Amino acid sequence: MVSQLLLGEVFEVREKKQPWLRIHTHCDDYDGWVDEKQVQEIEQTLFLELTSSPNCCALEPFTFAESNIRKLTVFKGSSLPNYENQSFKINDELFQFSAPISEGLSQDLSEQIPAFAMSFLNMPYLWGGRSPAGIDCSGFTNIVYKLAGIKLRRDAWQQSEQGILISFIDEARPGDLAFFQNEEGRIIHVGIILQQQKIIHASGRVRIDTIDHYGIYDEELKKYTHQLRLIRRMIG
């Protein structure tokens, strides 16, 4: 598994090899294959409407939405198309949904992004994951920023090409993204900077560690686990 799509996220079909569809996602500009039984076709007009309007997302780790004919599992970060009056629509099907939501950009993203990140604390790691059931390092940053109304690409190296470069860690602010490299200099990890030289990231689980100009220091292991490469600011 290279990635996950959550409820309400849209994509374009690029190729069909039954039962598989090769798709390009809108939420993070990623290519992959999905089983046609796990997706629902929508009209192009609805696709254009959803991709051009503000995103509304579920905030509870795990809840449900119910229509007259079925009940859907809704993970944190799922998109809620055409959300209004505690309901959303997929094509002509109306789902009731009364759980808390995020409606995107707020006045103070430097507080909102760390708060969203902390809500994932101790959730398990899963390569390719983007949900509270399992999440990887770049899936974690991708979903946290999605909740704040900001589109990040899927992989750590792709995210490292977005935003504004921060020259020194002393200039970093809460909500900035820190990127880490392997011995060959390739970006392999990402996390979200918090206050007081702390970083929250997905490594084994979503956890908080110490960060300095060398990288991430694991207090449990008493050693550095990730070498810092650069810091990027995605918010103004």
C-alpha atoms as a PDB file:
ATOM      1  CA  MET A   1       0.000   0.000   0.000  1.00  0.00           C
ATOM      2  CA  VAL A   2       1.445   3.362  -1.041  1.00  0.00           C
ATOM      3  CA  SER A   3      -1.314   5.626   0.278  1.00  0.00           C
ATOM      4  CA  GLN A   4      -4.968   5.831   1.295  1.00  0.00           C
ATOM      5  CA  LEU A   5      -8.001   7.791   0.206  1.00  0.00           C
ATOM      6  CA  LEU A   6     -10.512   8.766   2.869  1.00  0.00           C
ATOM      7  CA  LEU A   7     -14.250   9.191   2.522  1.00  0.00           C
ATOM      8  CA  GLY A   8     -15.205  12.099   0.282  1.00  0.00           C
ATOM      9  CA  GLU A   9     -11.801  12.571  -1.360  1.00  0.00           C
ATOM     10  CA  VAL A  10     -11.972  12.802  -5.136  1.00  0.00           C
ATOM     11  CA  PHE A  11      -9.727  11.701  -7.987  1.00  0.00           C
ATOM     12  CA  GLU A  12      -9.519  11.318 -11.750  1.00  0.00           C
ATOM     13  CA  VAL A  13      -9.332   7.916 -13.439  1.00  0.00           C
ATOM     14  CA  ARG A  14      -6.333   7.649 -15.766  1.00  0.00           C
ATOM     15  CA  GLU A  15      -6.480   3.959 -16.727  1.00  0.00           C
ATOM     16  CA  LYS A  16      -8.744   0.909 -16.274  1.00  0.00           C
ATOM     17  CA  LYS A  17      -7.587  -2.701 -15.859  1.00  0.00           C
ATOM     18  CA  GLN A  18     -10.533  -4.442 -14.251  1.00  0.00           C
ATOM     19  CA  PRO A  19     -11.048  -4.567 -11.384  1.00  0.00           C
ATOM     20  CA  TRP A  20      -8.322  -1.933 -10.916  1.00  0.00           C
ATOM     21  CA  LEU A  21      -8.357   1.775 -11.664  1.00  0.00           C
ATOM     22  CA  ARG A  22      -5.204   3.876 -11.953  1.00  0.00           C
ATOM     23  CA  ILE A  23      -6.078   7.227 -10.443  1.00  0.00           C
ATOM     24  CA  HIS A  24      -4.672  10.680  -9.747  1.00  0.00           C
ATOM     25  CA  THR A  25      -5.839  12.140  -6.443  1.00  0.00           C
ATOM     26  CA  HIS A  26      -6.879  15.751  -5.996  1.00  0.00           C
ATOM     27  CA  CYS A  27      -6.121  15.966  -2.265  1.00  0.00           C
ATOM     28  CA  ASP A  28      -2.373  15.369  -2.655  1.00  0.00           C
ATOM     29  CA  ASP A  29      -1.607  14.936  -6.391  1.00  0.00           C
ATOM     30  CA  TYR A  30      -0.707  11.259  -6.062  1.00  0.00           C
ATOM     31  CA  ASP A  31      -0.961   8.345  -8.502  1.00  0.00           C
ATOM     32  CA  GLY A  32      -1.973   4.833  -7.528  1.00  0.00           C
ATOM     33  CA  TRP A  33      -4.340   1.934  -8.087  1.00  0.00           C
ATOM     34  CA  VAL A  34      -7.686   1.306  -6.376  1.00  0.00           C
ATOM     35  CA  ASP A  35     -10.258  -1.481  -6.611  1.00  0.00           C
ATOM     36  CA  GLU A  36     -13.302  -0.246  -8.524  1.00  0.00           C
ATOM     37  CA  LYS A  37     -15.565  -1.792  -5.860  1.00  0.00           C
ATOM     38  CA  GLN A  38     -14.254   0.708  -3.296  1.00  0.00           C
ATOM     39  CA  VAL A  39     -15.102   3.912  -5.158  1.00  0.00           C
ATOM     40  CA  GLN A  40     -18.217   5.733  -6.328  1.00  0.00           C
ATOM     41  CA  GLU A  41     -18.475   7.556  -9.641  1.00  0.00           C
ATOM     42  CA  ILE A  42     -19.589  11.192  -9.649  1.00  0.00           C
ATOM     43  CA  GLU A  43     -20.455  13.618 -12.434  1.00  0.00           C
ATOM     44  CA  GLN A  44     -17.743  15.945 -13.716  1.00  0.00           C
ATOM     45  CA  THR A  45     -19.780  18.969 -12.625  1.00  0.00           C
ATOM     46  CA  LEU A  46     -19.762  17.711  -9.024  1.00  0.00           C
ATOM     47  CA  PHE A  47     -16.033  16.947  -9.256  1.00  0.00           C
ATOM     48  CA  LEU A  48     -15.321  20.509 -10.378  1.00  0.00           C
ATOM     49  CA  GLU A  49     -17.571  21.894  -7.652  1.00  0.00           C
ATOM     50  CA  LEU A  50     -15.862  19.877  -4.917  1.00  0.00           C
ATOM     51  CA  THR A  51     -12.336  20.673  -6.080  1.00  0.00           C
ATOM     52  CA  SER A  52     -12.989  24.399  -6.229  1.00  0.00           C
ATOM     53  CA  SER A  53     -14.864  24.851  -2.940  1.00  0.00           C
ATOM     54  CA  PRO A  54     -13.513  25.002   0.661  1.00  0.00           C
ATOM     55  CA  ASN A  55     -12.955  21.615   2.255  1.00  0.00           C
ATOM     56  CA  CYS A  56     -14.969  20.501   5.283  1.00  0.00           C
ATOM     57  CA  CYS A  57     -13.478  17.620   7.296  1.00  0.00           C
ATOM     58  CA  ALA A  58     -14.454  15.256  10.104  1.00  0.00           C
ATOM     59  CA  LEU A  59     -12.599  15.846  13.386  1.00  0.00           C
ATOM     60  CA  GLU A  60     -13.474  12.756  15.449  1.00  0.00           C
ATOM     61  CA  PRO A  61     -10.957   9.889  15.162  1.00  0.00           C
ATOM     62  CA  PHE A  62     -13.730   7.461  14.203  1.00  0.00           C
ATOM     63  CA  THR A  63     -17.461   7.937  13.727  1.00  0.00           C
ATOM     64  CA  PHE A  64     -20.320   7.192  11.312  1.00  0.00           C
ATOM     65  CA  ALA A  65     -22.523   8.885   8.729  1.00  0.00           C
ATOM     66  CA  GLU A  66     -25.899   7.434   7.834  1.00  0.00           C
ATOM     67  CA  SER A  67     -28.267   7.783   4.877  1.00  0.00           C
ATOM     68  CA  ASN A  68     -31.602   6.084   4.256  1.00  0.00           C
ATOM     69  CA  ILE A  69     -29.862   3.104   2.670  1.00  0.00           C
ATOM     70  CA  ARG A  70     -26.443   2.687   4.301  1.00  0.00           C
ATOM     71  CA  LYS A  71     -24.064   3.585   7.102  1.00  0.00           C
ATOM     72  CA  LEU A  72     -20.495   4.718   6.369  1.00  0.00           C
ATOM     73  CA  THR A  73     -17.387   4.744   8.536  1.00  0.00           C
ATOM     74  CA  VAL A  74     -15.902   8.237   8.802  1.00  0.00           C
ATOM     75  CA  PHE A  75     -12.283   8.681   9.889  1.00  0.00           C
ATOM     76  CA  LYS A  76     -10.685  11.903  11.075  1.00  0.00           C
ATOM     77  CA  GLY A  77      -9.723  13.945   8.011  1.00  0.00           C
ATOM     78  CA  SER A  78     -12.479  12.549   5.791  1.00  0.00           C
ATOM     79  CA  SER A  79     -14.022  15.100   3.440  1.00  0.00           C
ATOM     80  CA  LEU A  80     -17.715  15.945   3.787  1.00  0.00           C
ATOM     81  CA  PRO A  81     -19.010  17.030   0.344  1.00  0.00           C
ATOM     82  CA  ASN A  82     -21.576  19.843   0.343  1.00  0.00           C
ATOM     83  CA  TYR A  83     -21.754  19.881   4.142  1.00  0.00           C
ATOM     84  CA  GLU A  84     -24.675  21.869   5.536  1.00  0.00           C
ATOM     85  CA  ASN A  85     -26.936  21.591   8.604  1.00  0.00           C
ATOM     86  CA  GLN A  86     -25.215  18.476   9.975  1.00  0.00           C
ATOM     87  CA  SER A  87     -25.441  16.585   6.695  1.00  0.00           C
ATOM     88  CA  PHE A  88     -23.485  16.059   3.472  1.00  0.00           C
ATOM     89  CA  LYS A  89     -24.248  14.674   0.019  1.00  0.00           C
ATOM     90  CA  ILE A  90     -22.554  12.206  -2.311  1.00  0.00           C
ATOM     91  CA  ASN A  91     -24.345  12.546  -5.635  1.00  0.00           C
ATOM     92  CA  ASP A  92     -28.027  12.630  -4.587  1.00  0.00           C
ATOM     93  CA  GLU A  93     -27.548  10.591  -1.407  1.00  0.00           C
ATOM     94  CA  LEU A  94     -27.920  12.609   1.798  1.00  0.00           C
ATOM     95  CA  PHE A  95     -25.955  11.511   4.881  1.00  0.00           C
ATOM     96  CA  GLN A  96     -26.672  12.682   8.412  1.00  0.00           C
ATOM     97  CA  PHE A  97     -23.505  13.638  10.279  1.00  0.00           C
ATOM     98  CA  SER A  98     -23.604  15.409  13.644  1.00  0.00           C
ATOM     99  CA  ALA A  99     -19.984  14.951  14.794  1.00  0.00           C
ATOM    100  CA  PRO A 100     -17.505  17.883  15.076  1.00  0.00           C
ATOM    101  CA  ILE A 101     -16.031  19.266  11.854  1.00  0.00           C
ATOM    102  CA  SER A 102     -13.213  21.505  10.667  1.00  0.00           C
ATOM    103  CA  GLU A 103     -13.979  24.083   8.011  1.00  0.00           C
ATOM    104  CA  GLY A 104     -10.393  24.938   7.124  1.00  0.00           C
ATOM    105  CA  LEU A 105      -8.427  28.146   7.380  1.00  0.00           C
ATOM    106  CA  SER A 106      -8.641  30.083  10.639  1.00  0.00           C
ATOM    107  CA  GLN A 107      -7.052  33.265  11.956  1.00  0.00           C
ATOM    108  CA  ASP A 108      -4.215  31.575  13.857  1.00  0.00           C
ATOM    109  CA  LEU A 109      -2.832  28.550  12.029  1.00  0.00           C
ATOM    110  CA  SER A 110       0.313  28.584  14.210  1.00  0.00           C
ATOM    111  CA  GLU A 111      -1.930  27.440  17.073  1.00  0.00           C
ATOM    112  CA  GLN A 112      -4.426  25.399  15.077  1.00  0.00           C
ATOM    113  CA  ILE A 113      -1.912  23.150  13.296  1.00  0.00           C
ATOM    114  CA  PRO A 114      -0.080  22.028  16.485  1.00  0.00           C
ATOM    115  CA  ALA A 115      -3.472  21.436  18.138  1.00  0.00           C
ATOM    116  CA  PHE A 116      -4.630  19.249  15.249  1.00  0.00           C
ATOM    117  CA  ALA A 117      -1.285  17.417  15.333  1.00  0.00           C
ATOM    118  CA  MET A 118      -1.578  16.732  19.075  1.00  0.00           C
ATOM    119  CA  SER A 119      -4.990  15.134  18.519  1.00  0.00           C
ATOM    120  CA  PHE A 120      -3.194  12.274  16.704  1.00  0.00           C
ATOM    121  CA  LEU A 121      -0.784  11.593  19.593  1.00  0.00           C
ATOM    122  CA  ASN A 122      -0.032   7.865  20.110  1.00  0.00           C
ATOM    123  CA  MET A 123      -2.013   6.750  17.059  1.00  0.00           C
ATOM    124  CA  PRO A 124      -0.255   3.788  15.384  1.00  0.00           C
ATOM    125  CA  TYR A 125       2.179   3.953  12.482  1.00  0.00           C
ATOM    126  CA  LEU A 126       1.268   2.353   9.153  1.00  0.00           C
ATOM    127  CA  TRP A 127       3.264   2.696   5.943  1.00  0.00           C
ATOM    128  CA  GLY A 128       0.996   4.444   3.442  1.00  0.00           C
ATOM    129  CA  GLY A 129      -1.604   5.266   6.096  1.00  0.00           C
ATOM    130  CA  ARG A 130      -3.538   8.536   6.341  1.00  0.00           C
ATOM    131  CA  SER A 131      -6.024   7.758   9.123  1.00  0.00           C
ATOM    132  CA  PRO A 132      -6.128   7.268  12.922  1.00  0.00           C
ATOM    133  CA  ALA A 133      -6.177   3.498  12.281  1.00  0.00           C
ATOM    134  CA  GLY A 134      -2.599   3.848  11.015  1.00  0.00           C
ATOM    135  CA  ILE A 135      -0.588   6.722   9.603  1.00  0.00           C
ATOM    136  CA  ASP A 136       2.900   7.335   8.228  1.00  0.00           C
ATOM    137  CA  CYS A 137       5.076  10.418   8.670  1.00  0.00           C
ATOM    138  CA  SER A 138       4.002  12.315   5.552  1.00  0.00           C
ATOM    139  CA  GLY A 139       0.428  11.058   5.788  1.00  0.00           C
ATOM    140  CA  PHE A 140       0.347  12.589   9.266  1.00  0.00           C
ATOM    141  CA  THR A 141       1.527  16.012   8.102  1.00  0.00           C
ATOM    142  CA  ASN A 142      -0.722  15.789   5.032  1.00  0.00           C
ATOM    143  CA  ILE A 143      -3.879  15.175   7.087  1.00  0.00           C
ATOM    144  CA  VAL A 144      -3.036  17.706   9.815  1.00  0.00           C
ATOM    145  CA  TYR A 145      -2.608  20.418   7.205  1.00  0.00           C
ATOM    146  CA  LYS A 146      -5.731  19.256   5.369  1.00  0.00           C
ATOM    147  CA  LEU A 147      -7.721  19.806   8.576  1.00  0.00           C
ATOM    148  CA  ALA A 148      -6.366  23.365   8.583  1.00  0.00           C
ATOM    149  CA  GLY A 149      -7.410  23.904   4.954  1.00  0.00           C
ATOM    150  CA  ILE A 150      -3.916  23.656   3.427  1.00  0.00           C
ATOM    151  CA  LYS A 151      -3.049  21.221   0.640  1.00  0.00           C
ATOM    152  CA  LEU A 152       0.206  19.301   1.058  1.00  0.00           C
ATOM    153  CA  ARG A 153       1.513  16.720  -1.369  1.00  0.00           C
ATOM    154  CA  ARG A 154       1.773  13.098  -0.279  1.00  0.00           C
ATOM    155  CA  ASP A 155       5.423  12.134   0.256  1.00  0.00           C
ATOM    156  CA  ALA A 156       7.975  13.810   2.522  1.00  0.00           C
ATOM    157  CA  TRP A 157      10.307  14.728  -0.361  1.00  0.00           C
ATOM    158  CA  GLN A 158       7.387  16.302  -2.246  1.00  0.00           C
ATOM    159  CA  GLN A 159       6.344  18.319   0.808  1.00  0.00           C
ATOM    160  CA  SER A 160       9.950  19.500   1.215  1.00  0.00           C
ATOM    161  CA  GLU A 161       9.595  21.388  -2.084  1.00  0.00           C
ATOM    162  CA  GLN A 162       6.587  23.391  -0.835  1.00  0.00           C
ATOM    163  CA  GLY A 163       6.503  26.517   1.305  1.00  0.00           C
ATOM    164  CA  ILE A 164       9.307  28.852   2.370  1.00  0.00           C
ATOM    165  CA  LEU A 165      12.750  27.660   3.460  1.00  0.00           C
ATOM    166  CA  ILE A 166      13.698  28.517   7.060  1.00  0.00           C
ATOM    167  CA  SER A 167      17.461  28.931   7.382  1.00  0.00           C
ATOM    168  CA  PHE A 168      17.960  28.114  11.071  1.00  0.00           C
ATOM    169  CA  ILE A 169      16.045  26.007  13.566  1.00  0.00           C
ATOM    170  CA  ASP A 170      16.097  28.945  15.997  1.00  0.00           C
ATOM    171  CA  GLU A 171      13.848  30.768  13.504  1.00  0.00           C
ATOM    172  CA  ALA A 172      11.310  27.922  13.356  1.00  0.00           C
ATOM    173  CA  ARG A 173       7.761  28.429  14.616  1.00  0.00           C
ATOM    174  CA  PRO A 174       5.102  25.971  15.814  1.00  0.00           C
ATOM    175  CA  GLY A 175       3.492  24.429  12.746  1.00  0.00           C
ATOM    176  CA  ASP A 176       6.626  24.517  10.576  1.00  0.00           C
ATOM    177  CA  LEU A 177       7.652  21.245   8.933  1.00  0.00           C
ATOM    178  CA  ALA A 178      11.067  19.719   9.627  1.00  0.00           C
ATOM    179  CA  PHE A 179      12.515  17.297   7.067  1.00  0.00           C
ATOM    180  CA  PHE A 180      15.132  14.630   7.679  1.00  0.00           C
ATOM    181  CA  GLN A 181      17.580  12.793   5.439  1.00  0.00           C
ATOM    182  CA  ASN A 182      19.256   9.404   5.205  1.00  0.00           C
ATOM    183  CA  GLU A 183      22.986   8.814   4.688  1.00  0.00           C
ATOM    184  CA  GLU A 184      22.619   9.457   0.947  1.00  0.00           C
ATOM    185  CA  GLY A 185      20.995  12.843   1.583  1.00  0.00           C
ATOM    186  CA  ARG A 186      17.518  11.738   0.485  1.00  0.00           C
ATOM    187  CA  ILE A 187      14.498  13.150   2.348  1.00  0.00           C
ATOM    188  CA  ILE A 188      12.924  10.228   4.220  1.00  0.00           C
ATOM    189  CA  HIS A 189      11.017  11.720   7.163  1.00  0.00           C
ATOM    190  CA  VAL A 190       8.966  14.750   8.190  1.00  0.00           C
ATOM    191  CA  GLY A 191       7.430  16.105  11.386  1.00  0.00           C
ATOM    192  CA  ILE A 192       5.668  19.171  12.780  1.00  0.00           C
ATOM    193  CA  ILE A 193       7.593  21.526  15.036  1.00  0.00           C
ATOM    194  CA  LEU A 194       6.032  22.409  18.382  1.00  0.00           C
ATOM    195  CA  GLN A 195       7.192  24.851  21.044  1.00  0.00           C
ATOM    196  CA  GLN A 196      10.271  24.464  23.275  1.00  0.00           C
ATOM    197  CA  GLN A 197      12.417  22.389  20.880  1.00  0.00           C
ATOM    198  CA  LYS A 198       9.831  19.648  20.490  1.00  0.00           C
ATOM    199  CA  ILE A 199       8.573  17.896  17.369  1.00  0.00           C
ATOM    200  CA  ILE A 200       5.556  15.653  16.800  1.00  0.00           C
ATOM    201  CA  HIS A 201       5.983  12.980  14.140  1.00  0.00           C
ATOM    202  CA  ALA A 202       4.905   9.459  13.144  1.00  0.00           C
ATOM    203  CA  SER A 203       7.636   6.932  13.905  1.00  0.00           C
ATOM    204  CA  GLY A 204       6.333   3.673  15.343  1.00  0.00           C
ATOM    205  CA  ARG A 205       3.454   5.785  16.596  1.00  0.00           C
ATOM    206  CA  VAL A 206       2.646   9.484  16.589  1.00  0.00           C
ATOM    207  CA  ARG A 207       5.016  10.751  19.264  1.00  0.00           C
ATOM    208  CA  ILE A 208       6.745  13.835  20.624  1.00  0.00           C
ATOM    209  CA  ASP A 209      10.538  14.067  20.746  1.00  0.00           C
ATOM    210  CA  THR A 210      13.222  16.711  21.157  1.00  0.00           C
ATOM    211  CA  ILE A 211      14.650  18.433  18.069  1.00  0.00           C
ATOM    212  CA  ASP A 212      17.802  20.518  17.609  1.00  0.00           C
ATOM    213  CA  HIS A 213      20.076  21.456  14.695  1.00  0.00           C
ATOM    214  CA  TYR A 214      21.362  17.862  14.518  1.00  0.00           C
ATOM    215  CA  GLY A 215      17.941  16.246  14.305  1.00  0.00           C
ATOM    216  CA  ILE A 216      15.483  14.276  16.438  1.00  0.00           C
ATOM    217  CA  TYR A 217      16.722  13.018  19.795  1.00  0.00           C
ATOM    218  CA  ASP A 218      14.859  10.068  21.338  1.00  0.00           C
ATOM    219  CA  GLU A 219      14.960  10.378  25.139  1.00  0.00           C
ATOM    220  CA  GLU A 220      13.966   6.712  25.543  1.00  0.00           C
ATOM    221  CA  LEU A 221      16.773   5.398  23.337  1.00  0.00           C
ATOM    222  CA  LYS A 222      19.209   8.153  24.389  1.00  0.00           C
ATOM    223  CA  LYS A 223      20.284   8.775  20.803  1.00  0.00           C
ATOM    224  CA  TYR A 224      19.526  10.730  17.635  1.00  0.00           C
ATOM    225  CA  THR A 225      17.150   8.857  15.341  1.00  0.00           C
ATOM    226  CA  HIS A 226      16.747  11.278  12.411  1.00  0.00           C
ATOM    227  CA  GLN A 227      19.213  13.737  10.833  1.00  0.00           C
ATOM    228  CA  LEU A 228      17.776  17.209  10.151  1.00  0.00           C
ATOM    229  CA  ARG A 229      17.996  18.367   6.526  1.00  0.00           C
ATOM    230  CA  LEU A 230      15.779  21.477   6.293  1.00  0.00           C
ATOM    231  CA  ILE A 231      12.737  23.307   7.658  1.00  0.00           C
ATOM    232  CA  ARG A 232       9.843  24.680   5.619  1.00  0.00           C
ATOM    233  CA  ARG A 233       7.054  27.102   6.538  1.00  0.00           C
ATOM    234  CA  MET A 234       3.709  26.428   4.863  1.00  0.00           C
ATOM    235  CA  ILE A 235       1.766  29.213   6.590  1.00  0.00           C
ATOM    236  CA  GLY A 236       2.214  32.983   6.657  1.00  0.00           C
END
